[in-house]
PDB file of N, CA and C in Angstrom:
ATOM      1  N   UNK A   1       0.594 148.917 -15.649  1.00  0.00           N
ATOM      2  CA  UNK A   1      -0.746 148.373 -15.799  1.00  0.00           C
ATOM      3  C   UNK A   1      -1.793 149.488 -15.861  1.00  0.00           C
ATOM      4  N   UNK A   2      -1.572 150.518 -15.049  1.00  0.00           N
ATOM      5  CA  UNK A   2      -2.519 151.625 -15.026  1.00  0.00           C
ATOM      6  C   UNK A   2      -2.521 152.353 -16.377  1.00  0.00           C
ATOM      7  N   UNK A   3      -1.351 152.491 -16.978  1.00  0.00           N
ATOM      8  CA  UNK A   3      -1.241 153.137 -18.282  1.00  0.00           C
ATOM      9  C   UNK A   3      -2.026 152.380 -19.343  1.00  0.00           C
ATOM     10  N   UNK A   4      -1.933 151.057 -19.305  1.00  0.00           N
ATOM     11  CA  UNK A   4      -2.653 150.233 -20.264  1.00  0.00           C
ATOM     12  C   UNK A   4      -4.161 150.393 -20.094  1.00  0.00           C
ATOM     13  N   UNK A   5      -4.641 150.427 -18.849  1.00  0.00           N
ATOM     14  CA  UNK A   5      -6.065 150.619 -18.595  1.00  0.00           C
ATOM     15  C   UNK A   5      -6.538 151.986 -19.094  1.00  0.00           C
ATOM     16  N   UNK A   6      -5.718 152.992 -18.891  1.00  0.00           N
ATOM     17  CA  UNK A   6      -6.063 154.335 -19.363  1.00  0.00           C
ATOM     18  C   UNK A   6      -6.131 154.365 -20.887  1.00  0.00           C
ATOM     19  N   UNK A   7      -5.203 153.680 -21.555  1.00  0.00           N
ATOM     20  CA  UNK A   7      -5.192 153.637 -23.013  1.00  0.00           C
ATOM     21  C   UNK A   7      -6.433 152.926 -23.540  1.00  0.00           C
ATOM     22  N   UNK A   8      -6.827 151.839 -22.888  1.00  0.00           N
ATOM     23  CA  UNK A   8      -8.013 151.102 -23.299  1.00  0.00           C
ATOM     24  C   UNK A   8      -9.259 151.958 -23.103  1.00  0.00           C
ATOM     25  N   UNK A   9      -9.339 152.672 -21.978  1.00  0.00           N
ATOM     26  CA  UNK A   9     -10.491 153.539 -21.715  1.00  0.00           C
ATOM     27  C   UNK A   9     -10.540 154.686 -22.726  1.00  0.00           C
ATOM     28  N   UNK A  10      -9.381 155.237 -23.079  1.00  0.00           N
ATOM     29  CA  UNK A  10      -9.322 156.316 -24.061  1.00  0.00           C
ATOM     30  C   UNK A  10      -9.771 155.829 -25.431  1.00  0.00           C
ATOM     31  N   UNK A  11      -9.339 154.651 -25.812  1.00  0.00           N
ATOM     32  CA  UNK A  11      -9.730 154.077 -27.101  1.00  0.00           C
ATOM     33  C   UNK A  11     -11.236 153.806 -27.134  1.00  0.00           C
ATOM     34  N   UNK A  12     -11.784 153.322 -26.016  1.00  0.00           N
ATOM     35  CA  UNK A  12     -13.224 153.069 -25.944  1.00  0.00           C
ATOM     36  C   UNK A  12     -14.005 154.373 -26.065  1.00  0.00           C
ATOM     37  N   UNK A  13     -13.518 155.425 -25.425  1.00  0.00           N
ATOM     38  CA  UNK A  13     -14.229 156.708 -25.517  1.00  0.00           C
ATOM     39  C   UNK A  13     -14.142 157.271 -26.929  1.00  0.00           C
ATOM     40  N   UNK A  14     -13.033 157.047 -27.620  1.00  0.00           N
ATOM     41  CA  UNK A  14     -12.917 157.483 -29.009  1.00  0.00           C
ATOM     42  C   UNK A  14     -13.903 156.746 -29.895  1.00  0.00           C
ATOM     43  N   UNK A  15     -14.050 155.457 -29.668  1.00  0.00           N
ATOM     44  CA  UNK A  15     -15.003 154.665 -30.441  1.00  0.00           C
ATOM     45  C   UNK A  15     -16.430 155.146 -30.198  1.00  0.00           C
ATOM     46  N   UNK A  16     -16.759 155.461 -28.926  1.00  0.00           N
ATOM     47  CA  UNK A  16     -18.093 155.971 -28.623  1.00  0.00           C
ATOM     48  C   UNK A  16     -18.325 157.312 -29.300  1.00  0.00           C
ATOM     49  N   UNK A  17     -17.304 158.157 -29.330  1.00  0.00           N
ATOM     50  CA  UNK A  17     -17.414 159.465 -29.977  1.00  0.00           C
ATOM     51  C   UNK A  17     -17.635 159.306 -31.485  1.00  0.00           C
ATOM     52  N   UNK A  18     -16.881 158.393 -32.105  1.00  0.00           N
ATOM     53  CA  UNK A  18     -17.063 158.132 -33.530  1.00  0.00           C
ATOM     54  C   UNK A  18     -18.475 157.632 -33.810  1.00  0.00           C
ATOM     55  N   UNK A  19     -18.954 156.739 -32.961  1.00  0.00           N
ATOM     56  CA  UNK A  19     -20.288 156.184 -33.127  1.00  0.00           C
ATOM     57  C   UNK A  19     -21.343 157.284 -32.994  1.00  0.00           C
ATOM     58  N   UNK A  20     -21.155 158.188 -32.038  1.00  0.00           N
ATOM     59  CA  UNK A  20     -22.088 159.288 -31.825  1.00  0.00           C
ATOM     60  C   UNK A  20     -22.135 160.200 -33.044  1.00  0.00           C
ATOM     61  N   UNK A  21     -20.970 160.563 -33.595  1.00  0.00           N
ATOM     62  CA  UNK A  21     -20.932 161.437 -34.763  1.00  0.00           C
ATOM     63  C   UNK A  21     -21.484 160.751 -36.012  1.00  0.00           C
ATOM     64  N   UNK A  22     -21.272 159.453 -36.141  1.00  0.00           N
ATOM     65  CA  UNK A  22     -21.861 158.717 -37.260  1.00  0.00           C
ATOM     66  C   UNK A  22     -23.380 158.709 -37.174  1.00  0.00           C
ATOM     67  N   UNK A  23     -23.921 158.576 -35.945  1.00  0.00           N
ATOM     68  CA  UNK A  23     -25.367 158.627 -35.768  1.00  0.00           C
ATOM     69  C   UNK A  23     -25.908 160.011 -36.121  1.00  0.00           C
ATOM     70  N   UNK A  24     -25.201 161.059 -35.715  1.00  0.00           N
ATOM     71  CA  UNK A  24     -25.614 162.419 -36.062  1.00  0.00           C
ATOM     72  C   UNK A  24     -25.614 162.626 -37.574  1.00  0.00           C
ATOM     73  N   UNK A  25     -24.593 162.081 -38.232  1.00  0.00           N
ATOM     74  CA  UNK A  25     -24.491 162.204 -39.679  1.00  0.00           C
ATOM     75  C   UNK A  25     -25.658 161.492 -40.364  1.00  0.00           C
ATOM     76  N   UNK A  26     -26.007 160.303 -39.877  1.00  0.00           N
ATOM     77  CA  UNK A  26     -27.125 159.558 -40.445  1.00  0.00           C
ATOM     78  C   UNK A  26     -28.433 160.314 -40.255  1.00  0.00           C
ATOM     79  N   UNK A  27     -28.619 160.912 -39.054  1.00  0.00           N
ATOM     80  CA  UNK A  27     -29.838 161.680 -38.798  1.00  0.00           C
ATOM     81  C   UNK A  27     -29.938 162.870 -39.744  1.00  0.00           C
ATOM     82  N   UNK A  28     -28.821 163.554 -39.981  1.00  0.00           N
ATOM     83  CA  UNK A  28     -28.816 164.702 -40.891  1.00  0.00           C
ATOM     84  C   UNK A  28     -29.165 164.265 -42.311  1.00  0.00           C
ATOM     85  N   UNK A  29     -28.621 163.136 -42.739  1.00  0.00           N
ATOM     86  CA  UNK A  29     -28.929 162.623 -44.075  1.00  0.00           C
ATOM     87  C   UNK A  29     -30.403 162.241 -44.189  1.00  0.00           C
ATOM     88  N   UNK A  30     -30.948 161.632 -43.134  1.00  0.00           N
ATOM     89  CA  UNK A  30     -32.354 161.258 -43.157  1.00  0.00           C
ATOM     90  C   UNK A  30     -33.238 162.499 -43.175  1.00  0.00           C
ATOM     91  N   UNK A  31     -32.834 163.539 -42.428  1.00  0.00           N
ATOM     92  CA  UNK A  31     -33.596 164.774 -42.399  1.00  0.00           C
ATOM     93  C   UNK A  31     -33.603 165.437 -43.779  1.00  0.00           C
ATOM     94  N   UNK A  32     -32.455 165.454 -44.450  1.00  0.00           N
ATOM     95  CA  UNK A  32     -32.410 166.072 -45.779  1.00  0.00           C
ATOM     96  C   UNK A  32     -33.188 165.228 -46.783  1.00  0.00           C
ATOM     97  N   UNK A  33     -33.204 163.922 -46.596  1.00  0.00           N
ATOM     98  CA  UNK A  33     -33.985 163.071 -47.492  1.00  0.00           C
ATOM     99  C   UNK A  33     -35.473 163.225 -47.223  1.00  0.00           C
ATOM    100  N   UNK A  34     -35.847 163.438 -45.950  1.00  0.00           N
ATOM    101  CA  UNK A  34     -37.267 163.583 -45.648  1.00  0.00           C
ATOM    102  C   UNK A  34     -37.822 164.873 -46.235  1.00  0.00           C
ATOM    103  N   UNK A  35     -36.983 165.903 -46.381  1.00  0.00           N
ATOM    104  CA  UNK A  35     -37.449 167.131 -47.024  1.00  0.00           C
ATOM    105  C   UNK A  35     -37.838 166.852 -48.465  1.00  0.00           C
ATOM    106  N   UNK A  36     -37.058 166.022 -49.135  1.00  0.00           N
ATOM    107  CA  UNK A  36     -37.353 165.736 -50.534  1.00  0.00           C
ATOM    108  C   UNK A  36     -38.582 164.838 -50.670  1.00  0.00           C
ATOM    109  N   UNK A  37     -38.897 164.070 -49.645  1.00  0.00           N
ATOM    110  CA  UNK A  37     -40.060 163.194 -49.707  1.00  0.00           C
ATOM    111  C   UNK A  37     -41.345 164.017 -49.693  1.00  0.00           C
ATOM    112  N   UNK A  38     -41.361 165.128 -48.940  1.00  0.00           N
ATOM    113  CA  UNK A  38     -42.568 165.931 -48.815  1.00  0.00           C
ATOM    114  C   UNK A  38     -42.872 166.752 -50.062  1.00  0.00           C
ATOM    115  N   UNK A  39     -41.942 166.835 -50.991  1.00  0.00           N
ATOM    116  CA  UNK A  39     -42.145 167.631 -52.192  1.00  0.00           C
ATOM    117  C   UNK A  39     -42.506 166.761 -53.381  1.00  0.00           C
ATOM    118  N   UNK A  40     -43.378 165.815 -53.196  1.00  0.00           N
ATOM    119  CA  UNK A  40     -43.770 164.907 -54.269  1.00  0.00           C
ATOM    120  C   UNK A  40     -44.522 165.671 -55.343  1.00  0.00           C
ATOM    121  N   UNK A  41     -44.149 165.481 -56.574  1.00  0.00           N
ATOM    122  CA  UNK A  41     -44.853 166.116 -57.684  1.00  0.00           C
ATOM    123  C   UNK A  41     -45.939 165.182 -58.217  1.00  0.00           C
ATOM    124  N   UNK A  42     -45.536 163.980 -58.581  1.00  0.00           N
ATOM    125  CA  UNK A  42     -46.460 163.000 -59.116  1.00  0.00           C
ATOM    126  C   UNK A  42     -46.016 161.656 -58.575  1.00  0.00           C
ATOM    127  N   UNK A  43     -46.746 161.118 -57.624  1.00  0.00           N
ATOM    128  CA  UNK A  43     -46.279 159.923 -56.922  1.00  0.00           C
ATOM    129  C   UNK A  43     -46.146 158.711 -57.841  1.00  0.00           C
ATOM    130  N   UNK A  44     -46.984 158.601 -58.851  1.00  0.00           N
ATOM    131  CA  UNK A  44     -46.889 157.450 -59.751  1.00  0.00           C
ATOM    132  C   UNK A  44     -45.581 157.489 -60.535  1.00  0.00           C
ATOM    133  N   UNK A  45     -45.216 158.664 -61.021  1.00  0.00           N
ATOM    134  CA  UNK A  45     -43.964 158.792 -61.771  1.00  0.00           C
ATOM    135  C   UNK A  45     -42.767 158.660 -60.835  1.00  0.00           C
ATOM    136  N   UNK A  46     -42.876 159.234 -59.627  1.00  0.00           N
ATOM    137  CA  UNK A  46     -41.766 159.147 -58.681  1.00  0.00           C
ATOM    138  C   UNK A  46     -41.478 157.710 -58.275  1.00  0.00           C
ATOM    139  N   UNK A  47     -42.507 156.883 -58.191  1.00  0.00           N
ATOM    140  CA  UNK A  47     -42.265 155.483 -57.838  1.00  0.00           C
ATOM    141  C   UNK A  47     -41.501 154.761 -58.942  1.00  0.00           C
ATOM    142  N   UNK A  48     -41.787 155.133 -60.182  1.00  0.00           N
ATOM    143  CA  UNK A  48     -41.090 154.509 -61.302  1.00  0.00           C
ATOM    144  C   UNK A  48     -39.640 155.000 -61.354  1.00  0.00           C
ATOM    145  N   UNK A  49     -39.443 156.289 -61.140  1.00  0.00           N
ATOM    146  CA  UNK A  49     -38.118 156.878 -61.263  1.00  0.00           C
ATOM    147  C   UNK A  49     -37.346 156.926 -59.949  1.00  0.00           C
ATOM    148  N   UNK A  50     -37.867 156.287 -58.901  1.00  0.00           N
ATOM    149  CA  UNK A  50     -37.218 156.332 -57.600  1.00  0.00           C
ATOM    150  C   UNK A  50     -35.844 155.667 -57.670  1.00  0.00           C
ATOM    151  N   UNK A  51     -34.871 156.294 -57.042  1.00  0.00           N
ATOM    152  CA  UNK A  51     -33.517 155.750 -57.045  1.00  0.00           C
ATOM    153  C   UNK A  51     -32.836 156.090 -55.726  1.00  0.00           C
ATOM    154  N   UNK A  52     -31.719 155.462 -55.491  1.00  0.00           N
ATOM    155  CA  UNK A  52     -30.944 155.714 -54.269  1.00  0.00           C
ATOM    156  C   UNK A  52     -29.694 156.492 -54.631  1.00  0.00           C
ATOM    157  N   UNK A  53     -29.293 157.374 -53.724  1.00  0.00           N
ATOM    158  CA  UNK A  53     -28.059 158.136 -53.916  1.00  0.00           C
ATOM    159  C   UNK A  53     -26.879 157.215 -53.610  1.00  0.00           C
ATOM    160  N   UNK A  54     -25.892 157.221 -54.489  1.00  0.00           N
ATOM    161  CA  UNK A  54     -24.735 156.350 -54.291  1.00  0.00           C
ATOM    162  C   UNK A  54     -23.857 156.830 -53.147  1.00  0.00           C
ATOM    163  N   UNK A  55     -23.846 158.139 -52.893  1.00  0.00           N
ATOM    164  CA  UNK A  55     -22.944 158.690 -51.885  1.00  0.00           C
ATOM    165  C   UNK A  55     -23.525 158.630 -50.475  1.00  0.00           C
ATOM    166  N   UNK A  56     -24.764 159.096 -50.287  1.00  0.00           N
ATOM    167  CA  UNK A  56     -25.319 159.119 -48.932  1.00  0.00           C
ATOM    168  C   UNK A  56     -26.373 158.040 -48.707  1.00  0.00           C
ATOM    169  N   UNK A  57     -26.656 157.240 -49.721  1.00  0.00           N
ATOM    170  CA  UNK A  57     -27.542 156.078 -49.627  1.00  0.00           C
ATOM    171  C   UNK A  57     -28.951 156.453 -49.157  1.00  0.00           C
ATOM    172  N   UNK A  58     -29.446 157.623 -49.572  1.00  0.00           N
ATOM    173  CA  UNK A  58     -30.796 158.030 -49.225  1.00  0.00           C
ATOM    174  C   UNK A  58     -31.681 157.942 -50.467  1.00  0.00           C
ATOM    175  N   UNK A  59     -33.011 157.958 -50.230  1.00  0.00           N
ATOM    176  CA  UNK A  59     -33.925 157.936 -51.363  1.00  0.00           C
ATOM    177  C   UNK A  59     -33.758 159.235 -52.142  1.00  0.00           C
ATOM    178  N   UNK A  60     -33.694 159.123 -53.459  1.00  0.00           N
ATOM    179  CA  UNK A  60     -33.378 160.279 -54.284  1.00  0.00           C
ATOM    180  C   UNK A  60     -34.381 160.384 -55.428  1.00  0.00           C
ATOM    181  N   UNK A  61     -35.439 161.221 -55.286  1.00  0.00           N
ATOM    182  CA  UNK A  61     -36.373 161.406 -56.405  1.00  0.00           C
ATOM    183  C   UNK A  61     -35.672 162.039 -57.603  1.00  0.00           C
ATOM    184  N   UNK A  62     -36.365 162.085 -58.717  1.00  0.00           N
ATOM    185  CA  UNK A  62     -35.730 162.524 -59.957  1.00  0.00           C
ATOM    186  C   UNK A  62     -35.300 163.981 -59.933  1.00  0.00           C
ATOM    187  N   UNK A  63     -35.855 164.805 -59.068  1.00  0.00           N
ATOM    188  CA  UNK A  63     -35.516 166.228 -59.015  1.00  0.00           C
ATOM    189  C   UNK A  63     -34.584 166.559 -57.858  1.00  0.00           C
ATOM    190  N   UNK A  64     -33.920 165.564 -57.301  1.00  0.00           N
ATOM    191  CA  UNK A  64     -32.980 165.751 -56.205  1.00  0.00           C
ATOM    192  C   UNK A  64     -31.589 165.389 -56.682  1.00  0.00           C
ATOM    193  N   UNK A  65     -30.597 166.184 -56.286  1.00  0.00           N
ATOM    194  CA  UNK A  65     -29.221 165.962 -56.715  1.00  0.00           C
ATOM    195  C   UNK A  65     -28.293 165.957 -55.512  1.00  0.00           C
ATOM    196  N   UNK A  66     -27.208 165.203 -55.620  1.00  0.00           N
ATOM    197  CA  UNK A  66     -26.229 165.128 -54.542  1.00  0.00           C
ATOM    198  C   UNK A  66     -25.123 166.152 -54.781  1.00  0.00           C
ATOM    199  N   UNK A  67     -24.849 166.968 -53.771  1.00  0.00           N
ATOM    200  CA  UNK A  67     -23.769 167.948 -53.848  1.00  0.00           C
ATOM    201  C   UNK A  67     -22.529 167.324 -53.229  1.00  0.00           C
ATOM    202  N   UNK A  68     -21.453 167.281 -53.974  1.00  0.00           N
ATOM    203  CA  UNK A  68     -20.229 166.667 -53.465  1.00  0.00           C
ATOM    204  C   UNK A  68     -19.468 167.596 -52.529  1.00  0.00           C
ATOM    205  N   UNK A  69     -19.781 168.886 -52.550  1.00  0.00           N
ATOM    206  CA  UNK A  69     -19.141 169.820 -51.627  1.00  0.00           C
ATOM    207  C   UNK A  69     -19.801 169.752 -50.260  1.00  0.00           C
ATOM    208  N   UNK A  70     -21.137 169.759 -50.225  1.00  0.00           N
ATOM    209  CA  UNK A  70     -21.891 169.690 -48.965  1.00  0.00           C
ATOM    210  C   UNK A  70     -22.017 168.266 -48.427  1.00  0.00           C
ATOM    211  N   UNK A  71     -21.831 167.293 -49.280  1.00  0.00           N
ATOM    212  CA  UNK A  71     -22.004 165.880 -48.945  1.00  0.00           C
ATOM    213  C   UNK A  71     -23.437 165.568 -48.505  1.00  0.00           C
ATOM    214  N   UNK A  72     -24.447 166.116 -49.245  1.00  0.00           N
ATOM    215  CA  UNK A  72     -25.841 165.795 -48.973  1.00  0.00           C
ATOM    216  C   UNK A  72     -26.662 166.005 -50.238  1.00  0.00           C
ATOM    217  N   UNK A  73     -27.867 165.465 -50.228  1.00  0.00           N
ATOM    218  CA  UNK A  73     -28.764 165.625 -51.364  1.00  0.00           C
ATOM    219  C   UNK A  73     -29.601 166.884 -51.177  1.00  0.00           C
ATOM    220  N   UNK A  74     -29.835 167.599 -52.284  1.00  0.00           N
ATOM    221  CA  UNK A  74     -30.569 168.859 -52.242  1.00  0.00           C
ATOM    222  C   UNK A  74     -31.711 168.814 -53.251  1.00  0.00           C
ATOM    223  N   UNK A  75     -32.881 169.301 -52.827  1.00  0.00           N
ATOM    224  CA  UNK A  75     -34.052 169.319 -53.687  1.00  0.00           C
ATOM    225  C   UNK A  75     -33.914 170.448 -54.703  1.00  0.00           C
ATOM    226  N   UNK A  76     -34.157 170.153 -55.967  1.00  0.00           N
ATOM    227  CA  UNK A  76     -34.058 171.120 -57.069  1.00  0.00           C
ATOM    228  C   UNK A  76     -32.760 171.931 -57.001  1.00  0.00           C
ATOM    229  N   UNK A  77     -31.658 171.259 -56.885  1.00  0.00           N
ATOM    230  CA  UNK A  77     -30.366 171.935 -56.742  1.00  0.00           C
ATOM    231  C   UNK A  77     -30.013 172.697 -58.013  1.00  0.00           C
ATOM    232  N   UNK A  78     -29.667 173.967 -57.831  1.00  0.00           N
ATOM    233  CA  UNK A  78     -29.224 174.794 -58.946  1.00  0.00           C
ATOM    234  C   UNK A  78     -27.705 174.719 -59.047  1.00  0.00           C
ATOM    235  N   UNK A  79     -27.019 175.098 -57.972  1.00  0.00           N
ATOM    236  CA  UNK A  79     -25.559 175.010 -57.936  1.00  0.00           C
ATOM    237  C   UNK A  79     -25.087 175.177 -56.490  1.00  0.00           C
ATOM    238  N   UNK A  80     -23.821 174.861 -56.247  1.00  0.00           N
ATOM    239  CA  UNK A  80     -23.228 175.109 -54.939  1.00  0.00           C
ATOM    240  C   UNK A  80     -22.531 176.464 -55.004  1.00  0.00           C
ATOM    241  N   UNK A  81     -22.949 177.376 -54.155  1.00  0.00           N
ATOM    242  CA  UNK A  81     -22.405 178.731 -54.175  1.00  0.00           C
ATOM    243  C   UNK A  81     -21.352 178.881 -53.084  1.00  0.00           C
ATOM    244  N   UNK A  82     -20.104 179.189 -53.445  1.00  0.00           N
ATOM    245  CA  UNK A  82     -19.074 179.360 -52.414  1.00  0.00           C
ATOM    246  C   UNK A  82     -19.257 180.652 -51.610  1.00  0.00           C
ATOM    247  N   UNK A  83     -20.011 181.626 -52.113  1.00  0.00           N
ATOM    248  CA  UNK A  83     -20.208 182.885 -51.393  1.00  0.00           C
ATOM    249  C   UNK A  83     -21.080 182.683 -50.166  1.00  0.00           C
ATOM    250  N   UNK A  84     -22.102 181.857 -50.297  1.00  0.00           N
ATOM    251  CA  UNK A  84     -22.960 181.585 -49.143  1.00  0.00           C
ATOM    252  C   UNK A  84     -22.623 180.239 -48.507  1.00  0.00           C
ATOM    253  N   UNK A  85     -21.659 179.530 -49.079  1.00  0.00           N
ATOM    254  CA  UNK A  85     -21.195 178.227 -48.588  1.00  0.00           C
ATOM    255  C   UNK A  85     -22.366 177.262 -48.395  1.00  0.00           C
ATOM    256  N   UNK A  86     -23.203 177.183 -49.414  1.00  0.00           N
ATOM    257  CA  UNK A  86     -24.368 176.327 -49.340  1.00  0.00           C
ATOM    258  C   UNK A  86     -24.852 176.043 -50.759  1.00  0.00           C
ATOM    259  N   UNK A  87     -25.693 175.042 -50.899  1.00  0.00           N
ATOM    260  CA  UNK A  87     -26.285 174.753 -52.198  1.00  0.00           C
ATOM    261  C   UNK A  87     -27.500 175.638 -52.403  1.00  0.00           C
ATOM    262  N   UNK A  88     -27.662 176.135 -53.622  1.00  0.00           N
ATOM    263  CA  UNK A  88     -28.849 176.903 -53.959  1.00  0.00           C
ATOM    264  C   UNK A  88     -29.855 175.917 -54.525  1.00  0.00           C
ATOM    265  N   UNK A  89     -30.982 175.793 -53.825  1.00  0.00           N
ATOM    266  CA  UNK A  89     -31.990 174.837 -54.229  1.00  0.00           C
ATOM    267  C   UNK A  89     -33.383 175.367 -53.962  1.00  0.00           C
ATOM    268  N   UNK A  90     -34.308 174.463 -53.720  1.00  0.00           N
ATOM    269  CA  UNK A  90     -35.718 174.810 -53.565  1.00  0.00           C
ATOM    270  C   UNK A  90     -35.952 175.734 -52.371  1.00  0.00           C
ATOM    271  N   UNK A  91     -35.315 175.444 -51.240  1.00  0.00           N
ATOM    272  CA  UNK A  91     -35.620 176.156 -50.007  1.00  0.00           C
ATOM    273  C   UNK A  91     -34.900 177.502 -49.866  1.00  0.00           C
ATOM    274  N   UNK A  92     -33.841 177.751 -50.610  1.00  0.00           N
ATOM    275  CA  UNK A  92     -33.130 179.020 -50.442  1.00  0.00           C
ATOM    276  C   UNK A  92     -32.868 179.737 -51.765  1.00  0.00           C
ATOM    277  N   UNK A  93     -33.680 179.476 -52.774  1.00  0.00           N
ATOM    278  CA  UNK A  93     -33.468 180.138 -54.060  1.00  0.00           C
ATOM    279  C   UNK A  93     -33.851 181.617 -53.990  1.00  0.00           C
ATOM    280  N   UNK A  94     -34.960 181.954 -53.342  1.00  0.00           N
ATOM    281  CA  UNK A  94     -35.382 183.350 -53.234  1.00  0.00           C
ATOM    282  C   UNK A  94     -34.366 184.187 -52.451  1.00  0.00           C
ATOM    283  N   UNK A  95     -33.892 183.725 -51.265  1.00  0.00           N
ATOM    284  CA  UNK A  95     -32.873 184.525 -50.570  1.00  0.00           C
ATOM    285  C   UNK A  95     -31.595 184.698 -51.386  1.00  0.00           C
ATOM    286  N   UNK A  96     -31.215 183.686 -52.182  1.00  0.00           N
ATOM    287  CA  UNK A  96     -30.013 183.815 -53.000  1.00  0.00           C
ATOM    288  C   UNK A  96     -30.207 184.861 -54.090  1.00  0.00           C
ATOM    289  N   UNK A  97     -31.368 184.856 -54.746  1.00  0.00           N
ATOM    290  CA  UNK A  97     -31.633 185.848 -55.789  1.00  0.00           C
ATOM    291  C   UNK A  97     -31.660 187.250 -55.189  1.00  0.00           C
ATOM    292  N   UNK A  98     -32.275 187.395 -54.011  1.00  0.00           N
ATOM    293  CA  UNK A  98     -32.282 188.696 -53.339  1.00  0.00           C
ATOM    294  C   UNK A  98     -30.871 189.132 -52.959  1.00  0.00           C
ATOM    295  N   UNK A  99     -30.055 188.198 -52.498  1.00  0.00           N
ATOM    296  CA  UNK A  99     -28.665 188.500 -52.131  1.00  0.00           C
ATOM    297  C   UNK A  99     -27.891 189.033 -53.337  1.00  0.00           C
ATOM    298  N   UNK A 100     -28.038 188.387 -54.482  1.00  0.00           N
ATOM    299  CA  UNK A 100     -27.324 188.848 -55.671  1.00  0.00           C
ATOM    300  C   UNK A 100     -27.895 190.167 -56.185  1.00  0.00           C
ATOM    301  N   UNK A 101     -29.218 190.356 -56.083  1.00  0.00           N
ATOM    302  CA  UNK A 101     -29.822 191.617 -56.531  1.00  0.00           C
ATOM    303  C   UNK A 101     -29.362 192.778 -55.652  1.00  0.00           C
ATOM    304  N   UNK A 102     -29.347 192.571 -54.335  1.00  0.00           N
ATOM    305  CA  UNK A 102     -28.878 193.623 -53.436  1.00  0.00           C
ATOM    306  C   UNK A 102     -27.400 193.923 -53.670  1.00  0.00           C
ATOM    307  N   UNK A 103     -26.622 192.908 -53.960  1.00  0.00           N
ATOM    308  CA  UNK A 103     -25.206 193.128 -54.270  1.00  0.00           C
ATOM    309  C   UNK A 103     -25.035 193.966 -55.516  1.00  0.00           C
ATOM    310  N   UNK A 104     -25.855 193.705 -56.533  1.00  0.00           N
ATOM    311  CA  UNK A 104     -25.805 194.486 -57.763  1.00  0.00           C
ATOM    312  C   UNK A 104     -26.210 195.939 -57.507  1.00  0.00           C
ATOM    313  N   UNK A 105     -27.250 196.144 -56.701  1.00  0.00           N
ATOM    314  CA  UNK A 105     -27.692 197.507 -56.381  1.00  0.00           C
ATOM    315  C   UNK A 105     -26.595 198.266 -55.641  1.00  0.00           C
ATOM    316  N   UNK A 106     -25.946 197.632 -54.684  1.00  0.00           N
ATOM    317  CA  UNK A 106     -24.865 198.291 -53.936  1.00  0.00           C
ATOM    318  C   UNK A 106     -23.701 198.621 -54.859  1.00  0.00           C
ATOM    319  N   UNK A 107     -23.371 197.730 -55.777  1.00  0.00           N
ATOM    320  CA  UNK A 107     -22.283 197.996 -56.726  1.00  0.00           C
ATOM    321  C   UNK A 107     -22.608 199.187 -57.625  1.00  0.00           C
ATOM    322  N   UNK A 108     -23.831 199.249 -58.128  1.00  0.00           N
ATOM    323  CA  UNK A 108     -24.227 200.366 -58.978  1.00  0.00           C
ATOM    324  C   UNK A 108     -24.197 201.683 -58.203  1.00  0.00           C
ATOM    325  N   UNK A 109     -24.675 201.675 -56.990  1.00  0.00           N
ATOM    326  CA  UNK A 109     -24.674 202.876 -56.152  1.00  0.00           C
ATOM    327  C   UNK A 109     -23.243 203.330 -55.873  1.00  0.00           C
ATOM    328  N   UNK A 110     -22.375 202.392 -55.540  1.00  0.00           N
ATOM    329  CA  UNK A 110     -20.980 202.735 -55.251  1.00  0.00           C
ATOM    330  C   UNK A 110     -20.292 203.274 -56.498  1.00  0.00           C
ATOM    331  N   UNK A 111     -20.581 202.696 -57.654  1.00  0.00           N
ATOM    332  CA  UNK A 111     -19.943 203.194 -58.880  1.00  0.00           C
ATOM    333  C   UNK A 111     -20.424 204.603 -59.218  1.00  0.00           C
ATOM    334  N   UNK A 112     -21.700 204.905 -58.977  1.00  0.00           N
ATOM    335  CA  UNK A 112     -22.203 206.261 -59.212  1.00  0.00           C
ATOM    336  C   UNK A 112     -21.543 207.270 -58.272  1.00  0.00           C
ATOM    337  N   UNK A 113     -21.399 206.906 -57.019  1.00  0.00           N
ATOM    338  CA  UNK A 113     -20.755 207.789 -56.045  1.00  0.00           C
ATOM    339  C   UNK A 113     -19.300 208.023 -56.426  1.00  0.00           C
ATOM    340  N   UNK A 114     -18.585 206.960 -56.789  1.00  0.00           N
ATOM    341  CA  UNK A 114     -17.188 207.102 -57.161  1.00  0.00           C
ATOM    342  C   UNK A 114     -17.023 207.901 -58.455  1.00  0.00           C
ATOM    343  N   UNK A 115     -17.967 207.735 -59.379  1.00  0.00           N
ATOM    344  CA  UNK A 115     -17.896 208.491 -60.632  1.00  0.00           C
ATOM    345  C   UNK A 115     -18.063 209.987 -60.352  1.00  0.00           C
ATOM    346  N   UNK A 116     -18.956 210.335 -59.450  1.00  0.00           N
ATOM    347  CA  UNK A 116     -19.168 211.740 -59.103  1.00  0.00           C
ATOM    348  C   UNK A 116     -17.937 212.308 -58.401  1.00  0.00           C
ATOM    349  N   UNK A 117     -17.300 211.493 -57.543  1.00  0.00           N
ATOM    350  CA  UNK A 117     -16.120 211.970 -56.808  1.00  0.00           C
ATOM    351  C   UNK A 117     -14.944 212.221 -57.737  1.00  0.00           C
ATOM    352  N   UNK A 118     -14.741 211.295 -58.687  1.00  0.00           N
ATOM    353  CA  UNK A 118     -13.564 211.413 -59.553  1.00  0.00           C
ATOM    354  C   UNK A 118     -13.785 212.293 -60.787  1.00  0.00           C
ATOM    355  N   UNK A 119     -15.026 212.631 -61.095  1.00  0.00           N
ATOM    356  CA  UNK A 119     -15.263 213.478 -62.267  1.00  0.00           C
ATOM    357  C   UNK A 119     -15.102 214.953 -61.932  1.00  0.00           C
ATOM    358  N   UNK A 120     -15.094 215.320 -60.673  1.00  0.00           N
ATOM    359  CA  UNK A 120     -14.925 216.732 -60.293  1.00  0.00           C
ATOM    360  C   UNK A 120     -13.521 217.191 -60.370  1.00  0.00           C
TER     361      UNK A 120
END
């Protein structure tokens, strides 16, 4: 009998944990949707073109796209970058461009150093 009670209590705690994580997921989706709400370009046009995301069921203006890798909607999404493990969009486009520019500078510097080493 004690084993059965323990199993029931364990199952109840699992259900509570699932419910807690589902609530966290909903809050994250609402937070990402609220970011897109504050970036209104033209409210009259946005009301006409307003739509819902089929995957996360959030409000999705015309300039917002759903990333299937991140499982969230991103404002002005350019692409999902596996190097930074994030979507490149409105809020992180400048850091991404700087990251790639610095990478290019380091590559050029390293190639110049290696060329000098091997040409001697």
